[in-house]
Amino acid sequence: SRDNAKNTVYLQINSLKPEDTAVYYCAAESVLFGIPQRMKVPQ
């Protein structure tokens, strides 16, 4: 989720599993409309 008034994006994680252990990163990219499938790619 996100709150544009606060310039903040959130990730709520429930029912955590040991395999969720990781460093979590947020990323931003300027996109005009929607979310292209290519936005699943870190690059």
All heavy atoms as atom14 arrays in JSON, in Angstrom:
{
  "sequence": "SRDNAKNTVYLQINSLKPEDTAVYYCAAESVLFGIPQRMKVPQ",
  "atom14_mask": [
    [1, 1, 1, 1, 1, 1, 0, 0, 0, 0, 0, 0, 0, 0],
    [1, 1, 1, 1, 1, 1, 1, 1, 1, 1, 1, 0, 0, 0],
    [1, 1, 1, 1, 1, 1, 1, 1, 0, 0, 0, 0, 0, 0],
    [1, 1, 1, 1, 1, 1, 1, 1, 0, 0, 0, 0, 0, 0],
    [1, 1, 1, 1, 1, 0, 0, 0, 0, 0, 0, 0, 0, 0],
    [1, 1, 1, 1, 1, 1, 1, 1, 1, 0, 0, 0, 0, 0],
    [1, 1, 1, 1, 1, 1, 1, 1, 0, 0, 0, 0, 0, 0],
    [1, 1, 1, 1, 1, 1, 1, 0, 0, 0, 0, 0, 0, 0],
    [1, 1, 1, 1, 1, 1, 1, 0, 0, 0, 0, 0, 0, 0],
    [1, 1, 1, 1, 1, 1, 1, 1, 1, 1, 1, 1, 0, 0],
    [1, 1, 1, 1, 1, 1, 1, 1, 0, 0, 0, 0, 0, 0],
    [1, 1, 1, 1, 1, 1, 1, 1, 1, 0, 0, 0, 0, 0],
    [1, 1, 1, 1, 1, 1, 1, 1, 0, 0, 0, 0, 0, 0],
    [1, 1, 1, 1, 1, 1, 1, 1, 0, 0, 0, 0, 0, 0],
    [1, 1, 1, 1, 1, 1, 0, 0, 0, 0, 0, 0, 0, 0],
    [1, 1, 1, 1, 1, 1, 1, 1, 0, 0, 0, 0, 0, 0],
    [1, 1, 1, 1, 1, 1, 1, 1, 1, 0, 0, 0, 0, 0],
    [1, 1, 1, 1, 1, 1, 1, 0, 0, 0, 0, 0, 0, 0],
    [1, 1, 1, 1, 1, 1, 1, 1, 1, 0, 0, 0, 0, 0],
    [1, 1, 1, 1, 1, 1, 1, 1, 0, 0, 0, 0, 0, 0],
    [1, 1, 1, 1, 1, 1, 1, 0, 0, 0, 0, 0, 0, 0],
    [1, 1, 1, 1, 1, 0, 0, 0, 0, 0, 0, 0, 0, 0],
    [1, 1, 1, 1, 1, 1, 1, 0, 0, 0, 0, 0, 0, 0],
    [1, 1, 1, 1, 1, 1, 1, 1, 1, 1, 1, 1, 0, 0],
    [1, 1, 1, 1, 1, 1, 1, 1, 1, 1, 1, 1, 0, 0],
    [1, 1, 1, 1, 1, 1, 0, 0, 0, 0, 0, 0, 0, 0],
    [1, 1, 1, 1, 1, 0, 0, 0, 0, 0, 0, 0, 0, 0],
    [1, 1, 1, 1, 1, 0, 0, 0, 0, 0, 0, 0, 0, 0],
    [1, 1, 1, 1, 1, 1, 1, 1, 1, 0, 0, 0, 0, 0],
    [1, 1, 1, 1, 1, 1, 0, 0, 0, 0, 0, 0, 0, 0],
    [1, 1, 1, 1, 1, 1, 1, 0, 0, 0, 0, 0, 0, 0],
    [1, 1, 1, 1, 1, 1, 1, 1, 0, 0, 0, 0, 0, 0],
    [1, 1, 1, 1, 1, 1, 1, 1, 1, 1, 1, 0, 0, 0],
    [1, 1, 1, 1, 0, 0, 0, 0, 0, 0, 0, 0, 0, 0],
    [1, 1, 1, 1, 1, 1, 1, 1, 0, 0, 0, 0, 0, 0],
    [1, 1, 1, 1, 1, 1, 1, 0, 0, 0, 0, 0, 0, 0],
    [1, 1, 1, 1, 1, 1, 1, 1, 1, 0, 0, 0, 0, 0],
    [1, 1, 1, 1, 1, 1, 1, 1, 1, 1, 1, 0, 0, 0],
    [1, 1, 1, 1, 1, 1, 1, 1, 0, 0, 0, 0, 0, 0],
    [1, 1, 1, 1, 1, 1, 1, 1, 1, 0, 0, 0, 0, 0],
    [1, 1, 1, 1, 1, 1, 1, 0, 0, 0, 0, 0, 0, 0],
    [1, 1, 1, 1, 1, 1, 1, 0, 0, 0, 0, 0, 0, 0],
    [1, 1, 1, 1, 1, 1, 1, 1, 1, 0, 0, 0, 0, 0]
  ],
  "atom14_positions": [
    [[0.85, -1.18, 0.0], [0.0, 0.0, 0.0], [0.89, 1.24, 0.0], [2.1, 1.14, 0.2], [-0.93, 0.01, 1.21], [-0.18, 0.05, 2.42], [0.0, 0.0, 0.0], [0.0, 0.0, 0.0], [0.0, 0.0, 0.0], [0.0, 0.0, 0.0], [0.0, 0.0, 0.0], [0.0, 0.0, 0.0], [0.0, 0.0, 0.0], [0.0, 0.0, 0.0]],
    [[0.27, 2.37, -0.22], [1.04, 3.62, -0.22], [0.19, 4.76, 0.28], [-1.04, 4.74, 0.17], [1.6, 3.92, -1.6], [0.55, 4.24, -2.66], [1.17, 4.26, -4.06], [2.14, 5.34, -4.23], [3.05, 5.36, -5.21], [3.13, 4.35, -6.07], [3.89, 6.38, -5.31], [0.0, 0.0, 0.0], [0.0, 0.0, 0.0], [0.0, 0.0, 0.0]],
    [[0.85, 5.77, 0.8], [0.2, 7.0, 1.23], [0.95, 8.13, 0.55], [2.05, 8.51, 0.98], [0.27, 7.12, 2.75], [-0.48, 8.33, 3.29], [-0.71, 9.27, 2.51], [-0.82, 8.33, 4.47], [0.0, 0.0, 0.0], [0.0, 0.0, 0.0], [0.0, 0.0, 0.0], [0.0, 0.0, 0.0], [0.0, 0.0, 0.0], [0.0, 0.0, 0.0]],
    [[0.39, 8.65, -0.52], [1.09, 9.67, -1.29], [1.24, 10.98, -0.52], [2.16, 11.75, -0.77], [0.38, 9.91, -2.62], [0.6, 8.77, -3.59], [1.48, 7.92, -3.4], [-0.22, 8.73, -4.64], [0.0, 0.0, 0.0], [0.0, 0.0, 0.0], [0.0, 0.0, 0.0], [0.0, 0.0, 0.0], [0.0, 0.0, 0.0], [0.0, 0.0, 0.0]],
    [[0.34, 11.23, 0.42], [0.46, 12.44, 1.24], [1.69, 12.37, 2.15], [2.24, 13.4, 2.54], [-0.79, 12.64, 2.07], [0.0, 0.0, 0.0], [0.0, 0.0, 0.0], [0.0, 0.0, 0.0], [0.0, 0.0, 0.0], [0.0, 0.0, 0.0], [0.0, 0.0, 0.0], [0.0, 0.0, 0.0], [0.0, 0.0, 0.0], [0.0, 0.0, 0.0]],
    [[2.1, 11.14, 2.48], [3.26, 10.95, 3.35], [4.5, 10.48, 2.58], [5.53, 10.2, 3.18], [2.93, 9.93, 4.45], [1.85, 10.39, 5.4], [1.59, 9.35, 6.48], [0.53, 9.83, 7.46], [0.26, 8.82, 8.52], [0.0, 0.0, 0.0], [0.0, 0.0, 0.0], [0.0, 0.0, 0.0], [0.0, 0.0, 0.0], [0.0, 0.0, 0.0]],
    [[4.38, 10.38, 1.26], [5.49, 9.89, 0.45], [6.04, 8.56, 0.97], [7.26, 8.36, 1.05], [6.63, 10.92, 0.39], [6.38, 12.03, -0.61], [5.26, 12.21, -1.07], [7.42, 12.78, -0.94], [0.0, 0.0, 0.0], [0.0, 0.0, 0.0], [0.0, 0.0, 0.0], [0.0, 0.0, 0.0], [0.0, 0.0, 0.0], [0.0, 0.0, 0.0]],
    [[5.14, 7.66, 1.3], [5.54, 6.41, 1.94], [4.81, 5.23, 1.31], [3.61, 5.33, 1.02], [5.27, 6.45, 3.45], [5.98, 7.56, 4.03], [5.74, 5.17, 4.12], [0.0, 0.0, 0.0], [0.0, 0.0, 0.0], [0.0, 0.0, 0.0], [0.0, 0.0, 0.0], [0.0, 0.0, 0.0], [0.0, 0.0, 0.0], [0.0, 0.0, 0.0]],
    [[5.55, 4.15, 1.13], [4.97, 2.9, 0.68], [5.19, 1.86, 1.78], [6.18, 1.92, 2.49], [5.58, 2.44, -0.66], [7.07, 2.17, -0.55], [4.85, 1.22, -1.22], [0.0, 0.0, 0.0], [0.0, 0.0, 0.0], [0.0, 0.0, 0.0], [0.0, 0.0, 0.0], [0.0, 0.0, 0.0], [0.0, 0.0, 0.0], [0.0, 0.0, 0.0]],
    [[4.24, 0.97, 1.92], [4.26, -0.02, 2.99], [4.2, -1.43, 2.42], [3.67, -1.67, 1.34], [3.07, 0.18, 3.93], [2.95, 1.57, 4.49], [2.1, 2.51, 3.91], [3.69, 1.96, 5.6], [1.99, 3.8, 4.42], [3.59, 3.25, 6.13], [2.73, 4.15, 5.53], [2.64, 5.43, 6.04], [0.0, 0.0, 0.0], [0.0, 0.0, 0.0]],
    [[4.71, -2.36, 3.2], [4.55, -3.77, 2.89], [4.15, -4.48, 4.18], [4.96, -4.58, 5.11], [5.84, -4.37, 2.33], [5.73, -5.82, 1.86], [4.84, -5.88, 0.59], [7.09, -6.43, 1.57], [0.0, 0.0, 0.0], [0.0, 0.0, 0.0], [0.0, 0.0, 0.0], [0.0, 0.0, 0.0], [0.0, 0.0, 0.0], [0.0, 0.0, 0.0]],
    [[2.9, -4.89, 4.23], [2.4, -5.66, 5.37], [2.68, -7.13, 5.11], [2.26, -7.66, 4.07], [0.91, -5.42, 5.56], [0.3, -6.21, 6.69], [0.76, -5.76, 8.07], [0.91, -4.56, 8.31], [0.99, -6.7, 8.96], [0.0, 0.0, 0.0], [0.0, 0.0, 0.0], [0.0, 0.0, 0.0], [0.0, 0.0, 0.0], [0.0, 0.0, 0.0]],
    [[3.37, -7.76, 6.04], [3.74, -9.16, 5.88], [3.1, -9.95, 7.02], [3.41, -9.69, 8.19], [5.26, -9.37, 5.9], [5.96, -8.41, 4.93], [5.6, -10.8, 5.56], [7.47, -8.48, 4.99], [0.0, 0.0, 0.0], [0.0, 0.0, 0.0], [0.0, 0.0, 0.0], [0.0, 0.0, 0.0], [0.0, 0.0, 0.0], [0.0, 0.0, 0.0]],
    [[2.25, -10.87, 6.69], [1.58, -11.7, 7.69], [2.03, -13.15, 7.57], [2.58, -13.56, 6.55], [0.07, -11.62, 7.52], [-0.46, -10.23, 7.73], [0.05, -9.46, 8.55], [-1.49, -9.86, 6.97], [0.0, 0.0, 0.0], [0.0, 0.0, 0.0], [0.0, 0.0, 0.0], [0.0, 0.0, 0.0], [0.0, 0.0, 0.0], [0.0, 0.0, 0.0]],
    [[1.77, -13.92, 8.62], [2.1, -15.35, 8.63], [3.53, -15.59, 8.15], [3.77, -16.4, 7.25], [1.11, -16.11, 7.74], [-0.22, -15.91, 8.17], [0.0, 0.0, 0.0], [0.0, 0.0, 0.0], [0.0, 0.0, 0.0], [0.0, 0.0, 0.0], [0.0, 0.0, 0.0], [0.0, 0.0, 0.0], [0.0, 0.0, 0.0], [0.0, 0.0, 0.0]],
    [[4.46, -14.89, 8.76], [5.85, -14.97, 8.34], [6.39, -16.4, 8.44], [6.05, -17.15, 9.38], [6.71, -14.03, 9.18], [6.71, -12.58, 8.69], [7.06, -11.63, 9.81], [7.68, -12.42, 7.53], [0.0, 0.0, 0.0], [0.0, 0.0, 0.0], [0.0, 0.0, 0.0], [0.0, 0.0, 0.0], [0.0, 0.0, 0.0], [0.0, 0.0, 0.0]],
    [[7.23, -16.74, 7.47], [7.86, -18.04, 7.41], [9.38, -17.87, 7.42], [9.87, -16.82, 6.98], [7.45, -18.77, 6.12], [5.96, -18.93, 5.93], [5.66, -19.55, 4.57], [4.16, -19.7, 4.36], [3.86, -20.33, 3.04], [0.0, 0.0, 0.0], [0.0, 0.0, 0.0], [0.0, 0.0, 0.0], [0.0, 0.0, 0.0], [0.0, 0.0, 0.0]],
    [[10.11, -18.87, 7.89], [11.58, -18.75, 7.86], [12.12, -18.42, 6.47], [13.12, -17.69, 6.36], [12.04, -20.12, 8.35], [10.94, -20.58, 9.24], [9.67, -20.09, 8.59], [0.0, 0.0, 0.0], [0.0, 0.0, 0.0], [0.0, 0.0, 0.0], [0.0, 0.0, 0.0], [0.0, 0.0, 0.0], [0.0, 0.0, 0.0], [0.0, 0.0, 0.0]],
    [[11.47, -18.9, 5.44], [11.94, -18.63, 4.08], [11.71, -17.18, 3.64], [12.16, -16.77, 2.57], [11.31, -19.59, 3.07], [9.81, -19.7, 3.12], [9.34, -20.87, 3.96], [9.92, -21.11, 5.06], [8.39, -21.55, 3.52], [0.0, 0.0, 0.0], [0.0, 0.0, 0.0], [0.0, 0.0, 0.0], [0.0, 0.0, 0.0], [0.0, 0.0, 0.0]],
    [[11.01, -16.41, 4.47], [10.87, -14.97, 4.18], [12.1, -14.18, 4.65], [12.19, -12.97, 4.39], [9.63, -14.41, 4.88], [8.33, -14.96, 4.32], [8.24, -15.15, 3.09], [7.41, -15.22, 5.13], [0.0, 0.0, 0.0], [0.0, 0.0, 0.0], [0.0, 0.0, 0.0], [0.0, 0.0, 0.0], [0.0, 0.0, 0.0], [0.0, 0.0, 0.0]],
    [[13.0, -14.84, 5.34], [14.2, -14.17, 5.82], [15.01, -13.63, 4.64], [15.37, -14.37, 3.72], [15.07, -15.14, 6.64], [14.36, -15.5, 7.83], [16.39, -14.5, 7.02], [0.0, 0.0, 0.0], [0.0, 0.0, 0.0], [0.0, 0.0, 0.0], [0.0, 0.0, 0.0], [0.0, 0.0, 0.0], [0.0, 0.0, 0.0], [0.0, 0.0, 0.0]],
    [[15.27, -12.33, 4.67], [15.96, -11.67, 3.57], [16.15, -10.2, 3.91], [15.55, -9.69, 4.88], [15.18, -11.79, 2.27], [0.0, 0.0, 0.0], [0.0, 0.0, 0.0], [0.0, 0.0, 0.0], [0.0, 0.0, 0.0], [0.0, 0.0, 0.0], [0.0, 0.0, 0.0], [0.0, 0.0, 0.0], [0.0, 0.0, 0.0], [0.0, 0.0, 0.0]],
    [[16.94, -9.53, 3.11], [16.96, -8.07, 3.13], [15.88, -7.6, 2.17], [15.83, -8.05, 1.01], [18.32, -7.51, 2.73], [18.28, -5.97, 2.71], [19.4, -8.0, 3.68], [0.0, 0.0, 0.0], [0.0, 0.0, 0.0], [0.0, 0.0, 0.0], [0.0, 0.0, 0.0], [0.0, 0.0, 0.0], [0.0, 0.0, 0.0], [0.0, 0.0, 0.0]],
    [[15.02, -6.73, 2.65], [13.92, -6.22, 1.83], [14.25, -4.81, 1.36], [14.62, -3.95, 2.17], [12.62, -6.22, 2.63], [12.03, -7.6, 2.76], [12.64, -8.56, 3.57], [10.88, -7.97, 2.06], [12.12, -9.85, 3.67], [10.35, -9.24, 2.16], [10.97, -10.17, 2.96], [10.45, -11.44, 3.06], [0.0, 0.0, 0.0], [0.0, 0.0, 0.0]],
    [[14.11, -4.61, 0.07], [14.43, -3.33, -0.55], [13.19, -2.72, -1.19], [12.39, -3.44, -1.79], [15.46, -3.5, -1.66], [16.8, -4.05, -1.23], [17.04, -5.42, -1.21], [17.83, -3.19, -0.85], [18.27, -5.92, -0.82], [19.07, -3.69, -0.46], [19.27, -5.06, -0.45], [20.5, -5.55, -0.07], [0.0, 0.0, 0.0], [0.0, 0.0, 0.0]],
    [[13.06, -1.41, -1.09], [12.06, -0.75, -1.9], [12.75, -0.06, -3.08], [13.94, 0.27, -3.01], [11.21, 0.22, -1.1], [12.02, 1.74, -0.59], [0.0, 0.0, 0.0], [0.0, 0.0, 0.0], [0.0, 0.0, 0.0], [0.0, 0.0, 0.0], [0.0, 0.0, 0.0], [0.0, 0.0, 0.0], [0.0, 0.0, 0.0], [0.0, 0.0, 0.0]],
    [[11.99, 0.12, -4.12], [12.52, 0.69, -5.35], [11.47, 1.58, -5.99], [10.27, 1.39, -5.77], [12.93, -0.42, -6.32], [0.0, 0.0, 0.0], [0.0, 0.0, 0.0], [0.0, 0.0, 0.0], [0.0, 0.0, 0.0], [0.0, 0.0, 0.0], [0.0, 0.0, 0.0], [0.0, 0.0, 0.0], [0.0, 0.0, 0.0], [0.0, 0.0, 0.0]],
    [[11.93, 2.53, -6.79], [11.02, 3.48, -7.44], [11.38, 3.65, -8.9], [12.57, 3.66, -9.27], [11.07, 4.83, -6.72], [0.0, 0.0, 0.0], [0.0, 0.0, 0.0], [0.0, 0.0, 0.0], [0.0, 0.0, 0.0], [0.0, 0.0, 0.0], [0.0, 0.0, 0.0], [0.0, 0.0, 0.0], [0.0, 0.0, 0.0], [0.0, 0.0, 0.0]],
    [[10.35, 3.79, -9.72], [10.54, 4.05, -11.13], [9.38, 4.88, -11.63], [8.21, 4.58, -11.34], [10.65, 2.74, -11.92], [10.82, 2.92, -13.41], [12.12, 3.64, -13.78], [13.07, 3.62, -12.97], [12.18, 4.23, -14.88], [0.0, 0.0, 0.0], [0.0, 0.0, 0.0], [0.0, 0.0, 0.0], [0.0, 0.0, 0.0], [0.0, 0.0, 0.0]],
    [[9.69, 5.91, -12.42], [8.65, 6.76, -12.98], [7.93, 6.03, -14.11], [8.56, 5.63, -15.08], [9.26, 8.06, -13.5], [8.26, 8.89, -14.03], [0.0, 0.0, 0.0], [0.0, 0.0, 0.0], [0.0, 0.0, 0.0], [0.0, 0.0, 0.0], [0.0, 0.0, 0.0], [0.0, 0.0, 0.0], [0.0, 0.0, 0.0], [0.0, 0.0, 0.0]],
    [[6.63, 5.84, -13.95], [5.82, 5.12, -14.95], [4.53, 5.91, -15.16], [3.88, 6.3, -14.2], [5.49, 3.69, -14.47], [4.55, 3.01, -15.46], [6.77, 2.89, -14.28], [0.0, 0.0, 0.0], [0.0, 0.0, 0.0], [0.0, 0.0, 0.0], [0.0, 0.0, 0.0], [0.0, 0.0, 0.0], [0.0, 0.0, 0.0], [0.0, 0.0, 0.0]],
    [[4.15, 6.11, -16.42], [2.99, 6.95, -16.71], [1.67, 6.29, -16.32], [0.81, 6.93, -15.71], [2.97, 7.32, -18.19], [3.98, 8.37, -18.64], [3.85, 8.61, -20.15], [3.76, 9.68, -17.89], [0.0, 0.0, 0.0], [0.0, 0.0, 0.0], [0.0, 0.0, 0.0], [0.0, 0.0, 0.0], [0.0, 0.0, 0.0], [0.0, 0.0, 0.0]],
    [[1.5, 5.02, -16.69], [0.21, 4.38, -16.47], [0.38, 2.97, -15.94], [1.15, 2.18, -16.47], [-0.59, 4.32, -17.78], [-0.86, 5.64, -18.4], [-0.23, 6.01, -19.58], [-1.75, 6.54, -17.83], [-0.46, 7.23, -20.16], [-1.99, 7.77, -18.4], [-1.35, 8.13, -19.57], [0.0, 0.0, 0.0], [0.0, 0.0, 0.0], [0.0, 0.0, 0.0]],
    [[-0.36, 2.65, -14.89], [-0.43, 1.29, -14.4], [0.91, 0.72, -13.97], [1.81, 1.46, -13.55], [0.0, 0.0, 0.0], [0.0, 0.0, 0.0], [0.0, 0.0, 0.0], [0.0, 0.0, 0.0], [0.0, 0.0, 0.0], [0.0, 0.0, 0.0], [0.0, 0.0, 0.0], [0.0, 0.0, 0.0], [0.0, 0.0, 0.0], [0.0, 0.0, 0.0]],
    [[1.01, -0.6, -14.05], [2.25, -1.31, -13.7], [2.54, -2.3, -14.82], [1.96, -3.4, -14.84], [2.14, -2.07, -12.37], [1.61, -1.19, -11.26], [3.51, -2.63, -11.99], [1.39, -1.94, -9.97], [0.0, 0.0, 0.0], [0.0, 0.0, 0.0], [0.0, 0.0, 0.0], [0.0, 0.0, 0.0], [0.0, 0.0, 0.0], [0.0, 0.0, 0.0]],
    [[3.43, -1.97, -15.73], [3.83, -2.95, -16.73], [4.44, -4.18, -16.09], [5.04, -4.09, -15.02], [4.88, -2.2, -17.56], [4.64, -0.75, -17.27], [4.12, -0.7, -15.88], [0.0, 0.0, 0.0], [0.0, 0.0, 0.0], [0.0, 0.0, 0.0], [0.0, 0.0, 0.0], [0.0, 0.0, 0.0], [0.0, 0.0, 0.0], [0.0, 0.0, 0.0]],
    [[4.26, -5.33, -16.7], [4.82, -6.57, -16.15], [6.34, -6.49, -16.0], [6.92, -7.15, -15.13], [4.45, -7.76, -17.05], [2.99, -8.16, -16.95], [2.64, -8.76, -15.6], [3.38, -9.56, -15.03], [1.49, -8.37, -15.07], [0.0, 0.0, 0.0], [0.0, 0.0, 0.0], [0.0, 0.0, 0.0], [0.0, 0.0, 0.0], [0.0, 0.0, 0.0]],
    [[6.97, -5.66, -16.8], [8.42, -5.53, -16.7], [8.87, -4.97, -15.35], [10.05, -5.07, -14.98], [8.97, -4.63, -17.81], [8.4, -3.21, -17.79], [8.97, -2.39, -18.95], [8.33, -1.08, -19.05], [8.69, -0.02, -18.36], [9.67, -0.1, -17.48], [8.05, 1.14, -18.52], [0.0, 0.0, 0.0], [0.0, 0.0, 0.0], [0.0, 0.0, 0.0]],
    [[7.94, -4.4, -14.59], [8.3, -3.85, -13.29], [8.56, -4.93, -12.25], [8.87, -4.63, -11.09], [7.21, -2.9, -12.78], [6.91, -1.72, -13.72], [8.41, -0.88, -14.32], [9.06, -0.22, -12.8], [0.0, 0.0, 0.0], [0.0, 0.0, 0.0], [0.0, 0.0, 0.0], [0.0, 0.0, 0.0], [0.0, 0.0, 0.0], [0.0, 0.0, 0.0]],
    [[8.46, -6.19, -12.64], [8.87, -7.29, -11.78], [10.38, -7.52, -11.86], [10.92, -8.33, -11.11], [8.15, -8.58, -12.16], [6.64, -8.55, -11.9], [6.02, -9.89, -12.26], [4.54, -9.92, -11.92], [3.92, -11.23, -12.25], [0.0, 0.0, 0.0], [0.0, 0.0, 0.0], [0.0, 0.0, 0.0], [0.0, 0.0, 0.0], [0.0, 0.0, 0.0]],
    [[11.02, -6.82, -12.75], [12.46, -7.01, -12.98], [13.24, -5.91, -12.27], [12.98, -4.72, -12.49], [12.77, -6.98, -14.49], [14.27, -7.12, -14.72], [11.99, -8.08, -15.19], [0.0, 0.0, 0.0], [0.0, 0.0, 0.0], [0.0, 0.0, 0.0], [0.0, 0.0, 0.0], [0.0, 0.0, 0.0], [0.0, 0.0, 0.0], [0.0, 0.0, 0.0]],
    [[14.2, -6.27, -11.41], [14.93, -5.23, -10.66], [15.59, -4.18, -11.54], [15.64, -3.01, -11.18], [15.97, -6.05, -9.88], [15.41, -7.42, -9.79], [14.61, -7.63, -11.03], [0.0, 0.0, 0.0], [0.0, 0.0, 0.0], [0.0, 0.0, 0.0], [0.0, 0.0, 0.0], [0.0, 0.0, 0.0], [0.0, 0.0, 0.0], [0.0, 0.0, 0.0]],
    [[16.07, -4.6, -12.7], [16.8, -3.67, -13.56], [15.92, -2.56, -14.12], [16.44, -1.58, -14.65], [17.46, -4.44, -14.72], [18.63, -5.31, -14.3], [18.21, -6.62, -13.67], [17.02, -6.94, -13.55], [19.2, -7.4, -13.26], [0.0, 0.0, 0.0], [0.0, 0.0, 0.0], [0.0, 0.0, 0.0], [0.0, 0.0, 0.0], [0.0, 0.0, 0.0]]
  ]
}
